[in-house]
Every structure is written in structure tokens, then in C-alpha cells.
Amino acid sequence: MTLFISYPKCTTCIKAKKFLQNKNIDFVERHIVEENPTKEELTKWISQSNLEIKKFFNTSGKLYKEMGLKDKLKVMTDEEKIDLLSTNGMLVKRPILIKEDLVLVGFKEDEYNNL
């Protein structure tokens, strides 16, 4: 099963969803705010993605900026960062695509083509 975590008003998520539909890739969609990723999920996905935790933050988001996270993240532990991400879906970069042991954060057509 392919899990597609998105925010319906996000233009990048809309493009990614359209891409998946055009390629006839079956997926289950999950609203990132209504069903925010848990600490356990985030920990697993970060490990599987081989990306640093910072890549999972929506750094261009309003909430990220309001909270001053650019500087705060520098002094937080990995556990604190994951705890924070699990509190609000608007802090999490989207879309996230999870397929078996593959985790893609954001939408890059080249990466999606490899599906």
C-alpha cells in the first residue's frame, strides 16, 4: 500500500496527487492536519528516508516562522524535534509518500517517476 500524506490546499500536494493519478498509482490519502503523523511514524519515516530531521519541517510555513524554529531547531535534540513535529501537521513538510521502505518528502517529479 502506498500512503500519501497531504494538505488539500497545498499546491505542491495537488501536483503530486495529480501525478500519482495520471500514472495510475494506487494510494491511500491522509489529511496531515486531521491525522497528524505520530512520533512513532515520524521516527520510522525519518530513519527510512535517510534524510535529516530538518527536511521534515515545513520551513516555508507560517507556523514554522511564527514559532522562530529556524534558530530553535539548532539547539533541540532529535527527540525534541520529532516531538514537536508530532504536535501539528502544519509543521510537517508535505506531501509525504510512503511505499514499503521508500519515503519521499516534498514533490520532485524525478523521484516520483522512480515509483
C-alpha atoms as a PDB file:
ATOM      1  CA  MET A   1       0.000   0.000   0.000  1.00  0.00           C
ATOM      2  CA  THR A   2       1.184   3.498  -0.828  1.00  0.00           C
ATOM      3  CA  LEU A   3       0.338   6.180   1.718  1.00  0.00           C
ATOM      4  CA  PHE A   4       0.093   9.773   0.506  1.00  0.00           C
ATOM      5  CA  ILE A   5       0.051  12.336   3.305  1.00  0.00           C
ATOM      6  CA  SER A   6      -1.036  15.761   2.154  1.00  0.00           C
ATOM      7  CA  TYR A   7      -2.799  19.011   2.891  1.00  0.00           C
ATOM      8  CA  PRO A   8      -5.656  19.583   0.406  1.00  0.00           C
ATOM      9  CA  LYS A   9      -4.964  23.319  -0.067  1.00  0.00           C
ATOM     10  CA  CYS A  10      -1.240  22.813  -0.708  1.00  0.00           C
ATOM     11  CA  THR A  11      -0.428  23.385  -4.393  1.00  0.00           C
ATOM     12  CA  THR A  12       2.568  21.037  -4.245  1.00  0.00           C
ATOM     13  CA  CYS A  13       0.362  18.301  -2.785  1.00  0.00           C
ATOM     14  CA  ILE A  14      -2.202  18.878  -5.547  1.00  0.00           C
ATOM     15  CA  LYS A  15       0.529  18.495  -8.210  1.00  0.00           C
ATOM     16  CA  ALA A  16       1.863  15.330  -6.570  1.00  0.00           C
ATOM     17  CA  LYS A  17      -1.617  13.816  -6.264  1.00  0.00           C
ATOM     18  CA  LYS A  18      -2.363  14.594  -9.915  1.00  0.00           C
ATOM     19  CA  PHE A  19       0.952  12.969 -10.884  1.00  0.00           C
ATOM     20  CA  LEU A  20       0.075   9.785  -8.981  1.00  0.00           C
ATOM     21  CA  GLN A  21      -3.398   9.682 -10.520  1.00  0.00           C
ATOM     22  CA  ASN A  22      -2.061  10.234 -14.062  1.00  0.00           C
ATOM     23  CA  LYS A  23       0.404   7.359 -13.566  1.00  0.00           C
ATOM     24  CA  ASN A  24      -2.394   5.130 -12.201  1.00  0.00           C
ATOM     25  CA  ILE A  25      -0.575   4.619  -8.911  1.00  0.00           C
ATOM     26  CA  ASP A  26      -2.935   3.397  -6.207  1.00  0.00           C
ATOM     27  CA  PHE A  27      -2.611   5.231  -2.911  1.00  0.00           C
ATOM     28  CA  VAL A  28      -4.428   5.999   0.296  1.00  0.00           C
ATOM     29  CA  GLU A  29      -4.595   9.706   1.054  1.00  0.00           C
ATOM     30  CA  ARG A  30      -4.340  11.065   4.577  1.00  0.00           C
ATOM     31  CA  HIS A  31      -5.008  14.662   5.647  1.00  0.00           C
ATOM     32  CA  ILE A  32      -1.890  15.808   7.519  1.00  0.00           C
ATOM     33  CA  VAL A  33      -3.741  18.156   9.890  1.00  0.00           C
ATOM     34  CA  GLU A  34      -6.716  15.927  10.681  1.00  0.00           C
ATOM     35  CA  GLU A  35      -4.442  12.934  11.237  1.00  0.00           C
ATOM     36  CA  ASN A  36      -1.013  14.283  12.136  1.00  0.00           C
ATOM     37  CA  PRO A  37       1.882  11.829  11.925  1.00  0.00           C
ATOM     38  CA  THR A  38       2.708  10.269  15.285  1.00  0.00           C
ATOM     39  CA  LYS A  39       6.127  10.237  16.954  1.00  0.00           C
ATOM     40  CA  GLU A  40       6.449   6.561  16.059  1.00  0.00           C
ATOM     41  CA  GLU A  41       5.591   7.133  12.414  1.00  0.00           C
ATOM     42  CA  LEU A  42       7.917  10.111  12.098  1.00  0.00           C
ATOM     43  CA  THR A  43      10.779   8.229  13.744  1.00  0.00           C
ATOM     44  CA  LYS A  44      10.316   5.313  11.326  1.00  0.00           C
ATOM     45  CA  TRP A  45       9.971   7.520   8.229  1.00  0.00           C
ATOM     46  CA  ILE A  46      12.978   9.660   9.100  1.00  0.00           C
ATOM     47  CA  SER A  47      15.051   6.518   9.501  1.00  0.00           C
ATOM     48  CA  GLN A  48      13.776   5.007   6.238  1.00  0.00           C
ATOM     49  CA  SER A  49      14.260   8.215   4.250  1.00  0.00           C
ATOM     50  CA  ASN A  50      17.907   8.710   5.244  1.00  0.00           C
ATOM     51  CA  LEU A  51      17.128  12.432   5.485  1.00  0.00           C
ATOM     52  CA  GLU A  52      17.976  14.676   8.383  1.00  0.00           C
ATOM     53  CA  ILE A  53      15.030  15.596  10.604  1.00  0.00           C
ATOM     54  CA  LYS A  54      15.134  19.213   9.443  1.00  0.00           C
ATOM     55  CA  LYS A  55      13.973  18.048   5.981  1.00  0.00           C
ATOM     56  CA  PHE A  56      10.667  17.004   7.574  1.00  0.00           C
ATOM     57  CA  PHE A  57       9.912  20.555   8.738  1.00  0.00           C
ATOM     58  CA  ASN A  58       7.747  22.837   6.616  1.00  0.00           C
ATOM     59  CA  THR A  59      10.315  25.639   6.727  1.00  0.00           C
ATOM     60  CA  SER A  60       8.265  27.891   4.457  1.00  0.00           C
ATOM     61  CA  GLY A  61       5.154  27.559   6.606  1.00  0.00           C
ATOM     62  CA  LYS A  62       3.602  30.342   8.623  1.00  0.00           C
ATOM     63  CA  LEU A  63       3.658  28.383  11.887  1.00  0.00           C
ATOM     64  CA  TYR A  64       7.353  27.496  11.497  1.00  0.00           C
ATOM     65  CA  LYS A  65       8.183  31.182  11.104  1.00  0.00           C
ATOM     66  CA  GLU A  66       5.858  32.350  13.903  1.00  0.00           C
ATOM     67  CA  MET A  67       7.494  29.902  16.306  1.00  0.00           C
ATOM     68  CA  GLY A  68      11.000  31.051  15.349  1.00  0.00           C
ATOM     69  CA  LEU A  69      12.047  27.468  14.679  1.00  0.00           C
ATOM     70  CA  LYS A  70      14.949  28.328  12.386  1.00  0.00           C
ATOM     71  CA  ASP A  71      17.059  29.175  15.441  1.00  0.00           C
ATOM     72  CA  LYS A  72      15.355  26.886  17.966  1.00  0.00           C
ATOM     73  CA  LEU A  73      15.989  23.722  15.928  1.00  0.00           C
ATOM     74  CA  LYS A  74      19.744  24.288  16.186  1.00  0.00           C
ATOM     75  CA  VAL A  75      19.675  23.612  19.937  1.00  0.00           C
ATOM     76  CA  MET A  76      16.954  20.947  20.071  1.00  0.00           C
ATOM     77  CA  THR A  77      17.648  17.218  20.348  1.00  0.00           C
ATOM     78  CA  ASP A  78      16.360  14.861  17.660  1.00  0.00           C
ATOM     79  CA  GLU A  79      13.758  13.572  20.095  1.00  0.00           C
ATOM     80  CA  GLU A  80      12.542  17.112  20.820  1.00  0.00           C
ATOM     81  CA  LYS A  81      12.280  17.830  17.081  1.00  0.00           C
ATOM     82  CA  ILE A  82      10.210  14.693  16.492  1.00  0.00           C
ATOM     83  CA  ASP A  83       8.014  15.514  19.493  1.00  0.00           C
ATOM     84  CA  LEU A  84       7.414  18.972  18.049  1.00  0.00           C
ATOM     85  CA  LEU A  85       6.623  17.659  14.558  1.00  0.00           C
ATOM     86  CA  SER A  86       4.055  15.278  16.011  1.00  0.00           C
ATOM     87  CA  THR A  87       2.109  18.148  17.621  1.00  0.00           C
ATOM     88  CA  ASN A  88       0.881  19.914  14.485  1.00  0.00           C
ATOM     89  CA  GLY A  89       0.595  18.776  10.867  1.00  0.00           C
ATOM     90  CA  MET A  90       1.254  22.311   9.633  1.00  0.00           C
ATOM     91  CA  LEU A  91       4.849  21.976  10.893  1.00  0.00           C
ATOM     92  CA  VAL A  92       5.457  18.928   8.695  1.00  0.00           C
ATOM     93  CA  LYS A  93       6.706  19.267   5.114  1.00  0.00           C
ATOM     94  CA  ARG A  94       4.302  17.811   2.643  1.00  0.00           C
ATOM     95  CA  PRO A  95       3.453  15.780   0.774  1.00  0.00           C
ATOM     96  CA  ILE A  96       4.968  12.653   2.247  1.00  0.00           C
ATOM     97  CA  LEU A  97       4.781   9.485   0.201  1.00  0.00           C
ATOM     98  CA  ILE A  98       5.384   6.166   1.928  1.00  0.00           C
ATOM     99  CA  LYS A  99       5.649   2.938  -0.051  1.00  0.00           C
ATOM    100  CA  GLU A 100       7.078  -0.093   1.738  1.00  0.00           C
ATOM    101  CA  ASP A 101      10.550   1.116   2.763  1.00  0.00           C
ATOM    102  CA  LEU A 102      10.564   4.183   0.492  1.00  0.00           C
ATOM    103  CA  VAL A 103       9.804   7.604   1.973  1.00  0.00           C
ATOM    104  CA  LEU A 104       9.671  10.749  -0.179  1.00  0.00           C
ATOM    105  CA  VAL A 105       9.248  14.185   1.370  1.00  0.00           C
ATOM    106  CA  GLY A 106       8.024  17.013  -0.826  1.00  0.00           C
ATOM    107  CA  PHE A 107       7.345  16.542  -4.525  1.00  0.00           C
ATOM    108  CA  LYS A 108      10.118  16.093  -7.029  1.00  0.00           C
ATOM    109  CA  GLU A 109       8.881  14.597 -10.280  1.00  0.00           C
ATOM    110  CA  ASP A 110      12.168  12.721 -10.834  1.00  0.00           C
ATOM    111  CA  GLU A 111      11.784  10.897  -7.510  1.00  0.00           C
ATOM    112  CA  TYR A 112       8.124  10.101  -8.155  1.00  0.00           C
ATOM    113  CA  ASN A 113       8.990   8.754 -11.624  1.00  0.00           C
ATOM    114  CA  ASN A 114      11.064   6.055  -9.921  1.00  0.00           C
ATOM    115  CA  LEU A 115       7.897   4.600  -8.423  1.00  0.00           C
END
